[in-house]
């Protein structure tokens, strides 16, 4: 090969080598950049994952304010006084004066009963009394005559005693006949059925001409008179709430026929004993009903306001955790690490739990602890606010206050 040929071939060889070197540098640069970018992305992803692994929690300090809670129970209104009126004498209803819904005064005549049998018994009793009085009068005269002869030997003493005893027996028969007559006269007074007190006729179970039997065994009451200016409710209060509902506790009553209205009542008495079959204590509530808006027999929803418990700490019910170790609350320390504290409950008010022991007033309580949270876990506190105050429902008042 000539020198000229060598000179023509050198530049292309050097260019190819230069291009190869540039290509290798580019490949290495791209590779290094890709590896660096991936390493940076992995680092950012790792940091993000670690940040997301720390749960965000809202915390609050337990409230030491007095809570006002209560209990809602069903019940039925009853007349404060209710008297079923039964017949004391048999016969037929002659007339009645008041129908259901009528207001009556004490002593008002409700109905009259026609009593033909009793009338005949009265006639017989008067005749028996007359006979007994006649016999007593005759025996009195005879006894006195024989007693006047007792000083002589004309009659025996035995005969005198016999006449005297006969007189005494006839006097006793007079008293018996008089007592029988008085009994029948008293029964005659029951021909008139009267109202025992001021109230409303809430039932009439008879009509003119109806056969009247005597007493409770004879059938339903002829009339029922109820005093409704006051009503009473007998309520079965669960045993755990009894100490919080002493006599004098305010009760708010609501009935379906007056939606949006509420009426005030007062716990008047407690049975002071627990029914073993239900675990409840019977209490009596008195409701003012002078306006006549409530009716005996009404179904009612009763809310009892219970007094607050002093010197206890309160947390929201969502803060309470329950596991194999029992009840506990998760708190957050100054280093944002969790401390799980076992607690005991004083009172459950629904949305609020009163804690008897296990917490301090300065503890930061997690309001909604994540599942599986344990002591030592790190959390991110996002908000802090006081928690654990329960307000009482507004007390209802009727138009009479």
Protein backbone atom coordinates (compact mmCIF):
# COMPACT_ATOMS: atom_id res chain seq x y z
CA UNK A 1 0.00 0.00 0.00
CA UNK A 2 1.30 3.42 -0.92
CA UNK A 3 1.89 6.22 1.62
CA UNK A 4 -0.97 8.13 0.07
CA UNK A 5 -3.40 5.35 0.89
CA UNK A 6 -2.31 5.35 4.56
CA UNK A 7 -2.86 9.06 4.78
CA UNK A 8 -6.45 8.79 3.44
CA UNK A 9 -7.41 5.97 5.87
CA UNK A 10 -6.32 7.60 9.24
CA UNK A 11 -9.01 10.29 9.70
CA UNK A 12 -11.97 7.92 9.54
CA UNK A 13 -10.40 5.56 12.10
CA UNK A 14 -9.82 8.37 14.55
CA UNK A 15 -13.42 9.60 14.08
CA UNK A 16 -14.85 6.22 14.76
CA UNK A 17 -12.84 5.87 17.94
CA UNK A 18 -13.90 9.34 19.05
CA UNK A 19 -17.57 8.54 18.37
CA UNK A 20 -17.28 5.28 20.26
CA UNK A 21 -15.79 7.05 23.27
CA UNK A 22 -18.57 9.67 23.21
CA UNK A 23 -21.21 6.96 22.97
CA UNK A 24 -19.71 5.08 25.91
CA UNK A 25 -19.62 8.29 27.94
CA UNK A 26 -23.26 8.99 27.10
CA UNK A 27 -24.29 5.46 28.05
CA UNK A 28 -22.41 5.67 31.33
CA UNK A 29 -23.90 9.11 32.04
CA UNK A 30 -27.43 7.95 31.33
CA UNK A 31 -26.90 4.86 33.45
CA UNK A 32 -25.46 6.86 36.33
CA UNK A 33 -28.30 9.39 36.09
CA UNK A 34 -30.91 6.65 36.04
CA UNK A 35 -29.39 4.92 39.04
CA UNK A 36 -29.12 8.22 40.93
CA UNK A 37 -32.72 9.16 40.07
CA UNK A 38 -33.99 5.77 41.17
CA UNK A 39 -32.01 5.99 44.39
CA UNK A 40 -33.43 9.46 45.07
CA UNK A 41 -36.98 8.26 44.24
CA UNK A 42 -36.58 5.26 46.51
CA UNK A 43 -35.33 7.53 49.27
CA UNK A 44 -38.31 9.86 48.84
CA UNK A 45 -40.70 6.87 48.76
CA UNK A 46 -39.10 5.44 51.88
CA UNK A 47 -39.40 8.78 53.68
CA UNK A 48 -43.03 9.11 52.56
CA UNK A 49 -43.85 5.57 53.67
CA UNK A 50 -42.24 6.14 57.04
CA UNK A 51 -44.11 9.42 57.43
CA UNK A 52 -47.41 7.77 56.54
CA UNK A 53 -46.70 4.91 58.93
CA UNK A 54 -46.91 7.37 61.86
CA UNK A 55 -50.67 7.78 62.58
CA UNK A 56 -52.19 11.22 62.96
CA UNK A 57 -54.24 11.52 66.13
CA UNK A 58 -56.39 14.14 67.80
CA UNK A 59 -55.85 14.41 71.53
CA UNK A 60 -57.54 16.24 74.38
CA UNK A 61 -57.28 16.62 78.11
CA UNK A 62 -59.97 14.90 80.24
CA UNK A 63 -62.74 17.18 81.43
CA UNK A 64 -63.29 17.63 85.14
CA UNK A 65 -66.56 19.53 84.67
CA UNK A 66 -69.73 18.08 86.21
CA UNK A 67 -71.65 16.08 83.63
CA UNK A 68 -75.39 16.11 83.33
CA UNK A 69 -76.79 12.89 81.96
CA UNK A 70 -80.00 11.00 82.22
CA UNK A 71 -81.90 7.90 81.27
CA UNK A 72 -84.79 7.50 78.82
CA UNK A 73 -87.48 4.96 79.70
CA UNK A 74 -90.97 4.12 78.45
CA UNK A 75 -94.02 4.40 80.69
CA UNK A 76 -97.78 4.89 80.79
CA UNK A 77 -99.73 7.69 82.36
CA UNK A 78 -102.33 6.82 84.97
CA UNK A 79 -104.97 8.84 86.73
CA UNK A 80 -103.75 10.06 90.10
CA UNK A 81 -106.94 8.62 91.64
CA UNK A 82 -109.17 6.14 89.80
CA UNK A 83 -112.29 4.54 91.27
CA UNK A 84 -114.27 1.78 89.57
CA UNK A 85 -117.90 2.02 90.70
CA UNK A 86 -119.57 -1.35 91.32
CA UNK A 87 -123.13 -2.09 92.40
CA UNK A 88 -123.72 -3.10 96.02
CA UNK A 89 -127.36 -4.16 95.43
CA UNK A 90 -128.86 -6.33 92.67
CA UNK A 91 -131.57 -5.08 90.38
CA UNK A 92 -132.04 -3.25 87.10
CA UNK A 93 -130.53 0.06 86.03
CA UNK A 94 -133.28 2.64 86.30
CA UNK A 95 -131.42 5.65 84.89
CA UNK A 96 -127.93 7.07 84.41
CA UNK A 97 -126.93 10.76 84.42
CA UNK A 98 -123.34 11.09 83.10
CA UNK A 99 -121.64 9.61 80.06
CA UNK A 100 -117.94 9.16 79.34
CA UNK A 101 -115.92 12.38 79.31
CA UNK A 102 -118.31 14.15 81.67
CA UNK A 103 -116.82 16.10 84.57
CA UNK A 104 -118.49 15.35 87.89
CA UNK A 105 -118.31 16.73 91.40
CA UNK A 106 -117.99 14.63 94.53
CA UNK A 107 -121.42 13.25 95.47
CA UNK A 108 -122.92 13.74 91.99
CA UNK A 109 -125.56 11.12 91.13
CA UNK A 110 -124.24 8.83 88.41
CA UNK A 111 -127.11 6.34 88.18
CA UNK A 112 -130.06 4.80 90.05
CA UNK A 113 -130.88 1.11 90.39
CA UNK A 114 -134.39 -0.31 90.66
CA UNK A 115 -134.30 -3.01 93.39
CA UNK A 116 -137.61 -4.91 93.69
CA UNK A 117 -136.06 -7.71 95.74
CA UNK A 118 -134.53 -5.29 98.21
CA UNK A 119 -137.78 -3.39 98.52
CA UNK A 120 -139.59 -6.57 99.52
CA UNK A 121 -136.86 -7.46 102.00
CA UNK A 122 -137.31 -4.04 103.60
CA UNK A 123 -141.05 -4.60 103.98
CA UNK A 124 -140.38 -7.99 105.57
CA UNK A 125 -137.74 -6.56 107.88
CA UNK A 126 -140.09 -3.84 109.10
CA UNK A 127 -142.81 -6.45 109.73
CA UNK A 128 -140.32 -8.68 111.59
CA UNK A 129 -139.34 -5.72 113.74
CA UNK A 130 -142.97 -5.00 114.57
CA UNK A 131 -143.54 -8.65 115.55
CA UNK A 132 -140.40 -8.65 117.70
CA UNK A 133 -141.41 -5.44 119.42
CA UNK A 134 -144.93 -6.81 120.09
CA UNK A 135 -143.53 -10.03 121.55
CA UNK A 136 -141.11 -8.04 123.67
CA UNK A 137 -143.90 -5.81 124.96
CA UNK A 138 -146.08 -8.80 125.86
CA UNK A 139 -143.22 -10.61 127.56
CA UNK A 140 -142.36 -7.43 129.47
CA UNK A 141 -145.91 -7.17 130.85
CA UNK A 142 -145.98 -10.88 131.74
CA UNK A 143 -142.58 -10.78 133.43
CA UNK A 144 -143.48 -7.74 135.53
CA UNK A 145 -146.70 -9.35 136.70
CA UNK A 146 -144.93 -12.52 137.74
CA UNK A 147 -142.23 -10.48 139.45
CA UNK A 148 -144.93 -8.68 141.47
CA UNK A 149 -146.17 -12.03 142.73
CA UNK A 150 -142.72 -13.27 143.63
CA UNK A 151 -143.04 -11.90 147.18
CA UNK A 152 -145.98 -14.16 147.84
CA UNK A 153 -146.14 -17.91 147.78
CA UNK A 154 -148.63 -17.90 144.89
CA UNK A 155 -145.98 -18.57 142.18
CA UNK A 156 -142.75 -20.48 142.07
CA UNK A 157 -139.46 -18.64 141.68
CA UNK A 158 -138.63 -20.83 138.68
CA UNK A 159 -141.69 -19.52 136.83
CA UNK A 160 -140.74 -15.92 137.61
CA UNK A 161 -137.20 -16.46 136.24
CA UNK A 162 -138.57 -18.13 133.14
CA UNK A 163 -140.84 -15.14 132.33
CA UNK A 164 -137.97 -12.73 132.95
CA UNK A 165 -135.61 -14.62 130.65
CA UNK A 166 -138.28 -14.75 127.94
CA UNK A 167 -138.60 -10.97 128.17
CA UNK A 168 -134.84 -10.56 127.79
CA UNK A 169 -134.78 -12.93 124.80
CA UNK A 170 -137.56 -10.99 123.12
CA UNK A 171 -135.65 -7.75 123.68
CA UNK A 172 -132.65 -9.32 121.98
CA UNK A 173 -134.84 -10.32 119.04
CA UNK A 174 -136.00 -6.71 118.78
CA UNK A 175 -132.35 -5.59 118.52
CA UNK A 176 -131.66 -8.27 115.92
CA UNK A 177 -134.65 -7.25 113.83
CA UNK A 178 -133.66 -3.60 114.15
CA UNK A 179 -130.09 -4.39 113.02
CA UNK A 180 -131.39 -6.33 110.03
CA UNK A 181 -133.63 -3.40 109.10
CA UNK A 182 -130.75 -0.97 109.43
CA UNK A 183 -128.60 -3.16 107.17
CA UNK A 184 -131.26 -3.20 104.49
CA UNK A 185 -131.75 0.55 104.82
CA UNK A 186 -128.00 0.99 104.31
CA UNK A 187 -128.16 -1.20 101.23
CA UNK A 188 -131.06 0.88 99.99
CA UNK A 189 -128.70 3.83 99.95
CA UNK A 190 -126.57 2.01 97.37
CA UNK A 191 -129.46 2.22 94.92
CA UNK A 192 -127.95 5.62 94.12
CA UNK A 193 -124.44 5.45 92.59
CA UNK A 194 -122.53 8.66 93.32
CA UNK A 195 -119.11 10.06 92.39
CA UNK A 196 -116.58 9.61 95.23
CA UNK A 197 -114.53 12.70 94.24
CA UNK A 198 -114.23 15.43 91.61
CA UNK A 199 -113.11 13.94 88.32
CA UNK A 200 -114.04 12.68 84.87
CA UNK A 201 -116.19 9.68 83.96
CA UNK A 202 -113.73 7.62 81.94
CA UNK A 203 -115.92 4.52 81.52
CA UNK A 204 -119.64 3.63 81.49
CA UNK A 205 -120.34 -0.08 81.12
CA UNK A 206 -124.09 -0.22 81.63
CA UNK A 207 -127.34 1.12 80.24
CA UNK A 208 -131.00 1.54 81.20
CA UNK A 209 -132.69 -1.79 81.90
CA UNK A 210 -129.45 -3.72 82.30
CA UNK A 211 -129.43 -6.49 84.91
CA UNK A 212 -127.17 -5.43 87.78
CA UNK A 213 -125.20 -8.02 89.71
CA UNK A 214 -123.46 -7.38 93.00
CA UNK A 215 -119.73 -6.71 93.46
CA UNK A 216 -116.62 -7.31 91.42
CA UNK A 217 -117.54 -10.94 90.66
CA UNK A 218 -120.71 -9.71 89.00
CA UNK A 219 -118.82 -8.25 86.04
CA UNK A 220 -117.20 -5.01 84.94
CA UNK A 221 -117.50 -1.79 86.88
CA UNK A 222 -120.62 0.20 85.99
CA UNK A 223 -118.66 3.46 85.92
CA UNK A 224 -115.03 4.52 86.31
CA UNK A 225 -114.30 7.97 87.72
CA UNK A 226 -110.76 9.34 87.35
CA UNK A 227 -109.09 12.39 88.84
CA UNK A 228 -106.91 13.76 86.00
CA UNK A 229 -105.77 17.18 87.24
CA UNK A 230 -102.69 15.23 88.27
CA UNK A 231 -101.39 12.10 86.62
CA UNK A 232 -98.91 9.55 87.85
CA UNK A 233 -96.43 7.29 86.09
CA UNK A 234 -95.05 4.11 87.62
CA UNK A 235 -91.58 3.63 86.17
CA UNK A 236 -89.11 0.73 86.45
CA UNK A 237 -85.68 2.36 86.78
CA UNK A 238 -82.58 0.14 86.22
CA UNK A 239 -80.68 -0.55 89.43
CA UNK A 240 -77.51 1.23 88.29
CA UNK A 241 -79.39 4.52 87.84
CA UNK A 242 -81.33 4.46 91.11
CA UNK A 243 -78.75 6.42 93.18
CA UNK A 244 -78.80 9.18 90.54
CA UNK A 245 -82.60 9.53 90.60
CA UNK A 246 -83.62 10.51 94.15
CA UNK A 247 -87.12 11.84 94.96
CA UNK A 248 -87.45 15.34 93.58
CA UNK A 249 -85.61 14.55 90.33
CA UNK A 250 -87.06 16.31 87.29
CA UNK A 251 -88.64 14.15 84.59
CA UNK A 252 -89.40 15.27 81.03
CA UNK A 253 -92.44 13.56 79.51
CA UNK A 254 -93.30 13.36 75.81
CA UNK A 255 -96.37 11.73 74.26
CA UNK A 256 -96.99 10.78 70.60
CA UNK A 257 -100.15 12.86 70.15
CA UNK A 258 -98.27 16.09 70.96
CA UNK A 259 -95.04 15.93 68.92
CA UNK A 260 -92.57 18.63 69.81
CA UNK A 261 -94.20 19.26 73.19
CA UNK A 262 -92.78 18.21 76.53
CA UNK A 263 -94.25 18.20 80.02
CA UNK A 264 -92.54 18.39 83.38
CA UNK A 265 -92.93 15.83 86.14
CA UNK A 266 -91.26 15.10 89.45
CA UNK A 267 -90.13 11.83 90.97
CA UNK A 268 -92.36 11.67 94.06
CA UNK A 269 -91.47 8.31 95.59
CA UNK A 270 -89.28 5.24 95.22
CA UNK A 271 -90.08 1.68 96.29
CA UNK A 272 -86.59 1.48 97.84
CA UNK A 273 -86.29 -2.12 96.74
CA UNK A 274 -85.08 -3.97 93.65
CA UNK A 275 -87.29 -6.42 91.79
CA UNK A 276 -85.11 -9.57 91.41
CA UNK A 277 -86.85 -10.60 88.18
CA UNK A 278 -86.08 -7.36 86.33
CA UNK A 279 -83.27 -5.70 88.30
CA UNK A 280 -85.25 -2.46 88.50
CA UNK A 281 -86.72 -0.22 91.20
CA UNK A 282 -90.30 1.03 90.96
CA UNK A 283 -90.59 4.81 91.08
CA UNK A 284 -93.60 7.12 90.93
CA UNK A 285 -93.64 10.33 88.88
CA UNK A 286 -96.34 12.97 89.33
CA UNK A 287 -97.32 15.17 86.37
CA UNK A 288 -99.35 18.39 86.53
CA UNK A 289 -102.26 18.04 84.06
CA UNK A 290 -104.53 20.92 84.95
CA UNK A 291 -104.55 21.85 81.26
CA UNK A 292 -106.06 18.46 80.41
CA UNK A 293 -103.68 17.83 77.51
CA UNK A 294 -102.55 14.43 78.78
CA UNK A 295 -104.82 11.41 79.13
CA UNK A 296 -104.74 8.40 81.44
CA UNK A 297 -103.41 5.39 79.58
CA UNK A 298 -101.13 7.49 77.33
CA UNK A 299 -97.86 5.87 76.27
CA UNK A 300 -95.07 8.27 77.21
CA UNK A 301 -91.32 8.59 76.79
CA UNK A 302 -89.73 9.74 80.05
CA UNK A 303 -86.31 11.32 80.38
CA UNK A 304 -84.93 11.40 83.92
CA UNK A 305 -82.25 14.00 84.64
CA UNK A 306 -79.62 12.62 86.97
CA UNK A 307 -77.27 14.69 89.07
CA UNK A 308 -73.66 15.13 88.08
CA UNK A 309 -70.88 13.20 89.78
CA UNK A 310 -68.19 15.38 91.32
CA UNK A 311 -64.41 14.75 91.27
CA UNK A 312 -64.35 12.49 88.21
CA UNK A 313 -62.64 12.87 84.84
CA UNK A 314 -64.57 12.43 81.61
CA UNK A 315 -63.48 11.32 78.15
CA UNK A 316 -65.43 10.64 74.93
CA UNK A 317 -66.66 7.08 74.60
CA UNK A 318 -64.61 6.73 71.39
CA UNK A 319 -61.42 6.99 73.48
CA UNK A 320 -62.15 3.79 75.38
CA UNK A 321 -60.36 0.61 74.27
CA UNK A 322 -61.30 -2.92 75.25
CA UNK A 323 -59.08 -5.97 74.83
CA UNK A 324 -58.02 -9.07 76.72
CA UNK A 325 -56.46 -6.91 79.42
CA UNK A 326 -59.69 -5.01 80.03
CA UNK A 327 -60.59 -1.35 79.61
CA UNK A 328 -57.88 1.16 78.79
CA UNK A 329 -57.26 4.62 77.33
CA UNK A 330 -54.38 5.64 75.04
CA UNK A 331 -52.51 8.79 76.03
CA UNK A 332 -49.64 10.67 74.35
CA UNK A 333 -46.48 11.70 76.21
CA UNK A 334 -44.30 14.77 75.63
CA UNK A 335 -42.15 12.78 73.16
CA UNK A 336 -45.24 11.90 71.07
CA UNK A 337 -45.06 8.28 72.18
CA UNK A 338 -48.18 6.39 73.23
CA UNK A 339 -48.83 5.31 76.82
CA UNK A 340 -51.78 2.91 77.25
CA UNK A 341 -53.36 3.26 80.71
CA UNK A 342 -55.87 0.82 82.26
CA UNK A 343 -58.95 2.61 83.64
CA UNK A 344 -62.15 1.90 85.56
CA UNK A 345 -65.53 3.43 84.70
CA UNK A 346 -67.57 5.51 87.12
CA UNK A 347 -70.57 6.13 84.84
CA UNK A 348 -71.49 5.55 81.18
CA UNK A 349 -73.38 8.55 79.76
CA UNK A 350 -73.45 7.32 76.17
CA UNK A 351 -71.23 9.74 74.26
CA UNK A 352 -69.20 10.47 77.39
CA UNK A 353 -67.54 8.07 79.85
CA UNK A 354 -66.76 9.14 83.41
CA UNK A 355 -63.46 7.59 84.59
CA UNK A 356 -63.18 6.56 88.22
CA UNK A 357 -59.43 5.83 88.19
CA UNK A 358 -56.46 5.52 85.84
CA UNK A 359 -56.21 9.06 84.38
CA UNK A 360 -54.79 12.41 85.41
CA UNK A 361 -56.24 15.77 84.49
CA UNK A 362 -53.05 16.63 82.52
CA UNK A 363 -53.05 13.47 80.37
CA UNK A 364 -53.38 13.94 76.61
CA UNK A 365 -56.01 11.36 75.63
CA UNK A 366 -56.29 10.09 72.04
CA UNK A 367 -59.91 10.64 71.07
CA UNK A 368 -60.06 7.90 68.39
CA UNK A 369 -57.12 5.50 68.90
CA UNK A 370 -56.10 3.47 65.81
CA UNK A 371 -56.55 -0.28 65.91
CA UNK A 372 -53.67 -2.18 67.46
CA UNK A 373 -52.03 0.85 69.04
CA UNK A 374 -49.61 -0.07 71.83
CA UNK A 375 -47.42 1.62 74.40
CA UNK A 376 -44.29 3.11 72.82
CA UNK A 377 -45.75 3.70 69.37
CA UNK A 378 -45.00 7.10 67.83
CA UNK A 379 -47.94 9.26 66.74
CA UNK A 380 -48.36 12.63 65.09
CA UNK A 381 -50.59 14.97 67.12
CA UNK A 382 -52.71 17.03 64.72
CA UNK A 383 -55.12 18.78 67.12
CA UNK A 384 -55.66 19.33 70.81
CA UNK A 385 -58.94 20.25 72.51
CA UNK A 386 -60.74 19.65 75.83
CA UNK A 387 -62.97 16.56 75.69
CA UNK A 388 -65.52 14.68 77.75
CA UNK A 389 -68.37 17.06 78.67
CA UNK A 390 -71.96 15.83 78.52
CA UNK A 391 -74.77 18.33 78.63
CA UNK A 392 -78.22 17.54 79.95
CA UNK A 393 -81.19 17.57 77.62
CA UNK A 394 -83.33 20.71 77.92
CA UNK A 395 -85.99 20.32 80.53
CA UNK A 396 -89.49 20.30 79.12
CA UNK A 397 -92.23 22.50 80.56
CA UNK A 398 -95.91 22.41 79.99
CA UNK A 399 -98.05 25.50 79.73
CA UNK A 400 -98.60 25.55 83.49
CA UNK A 401 -94.86 25.62 84.19
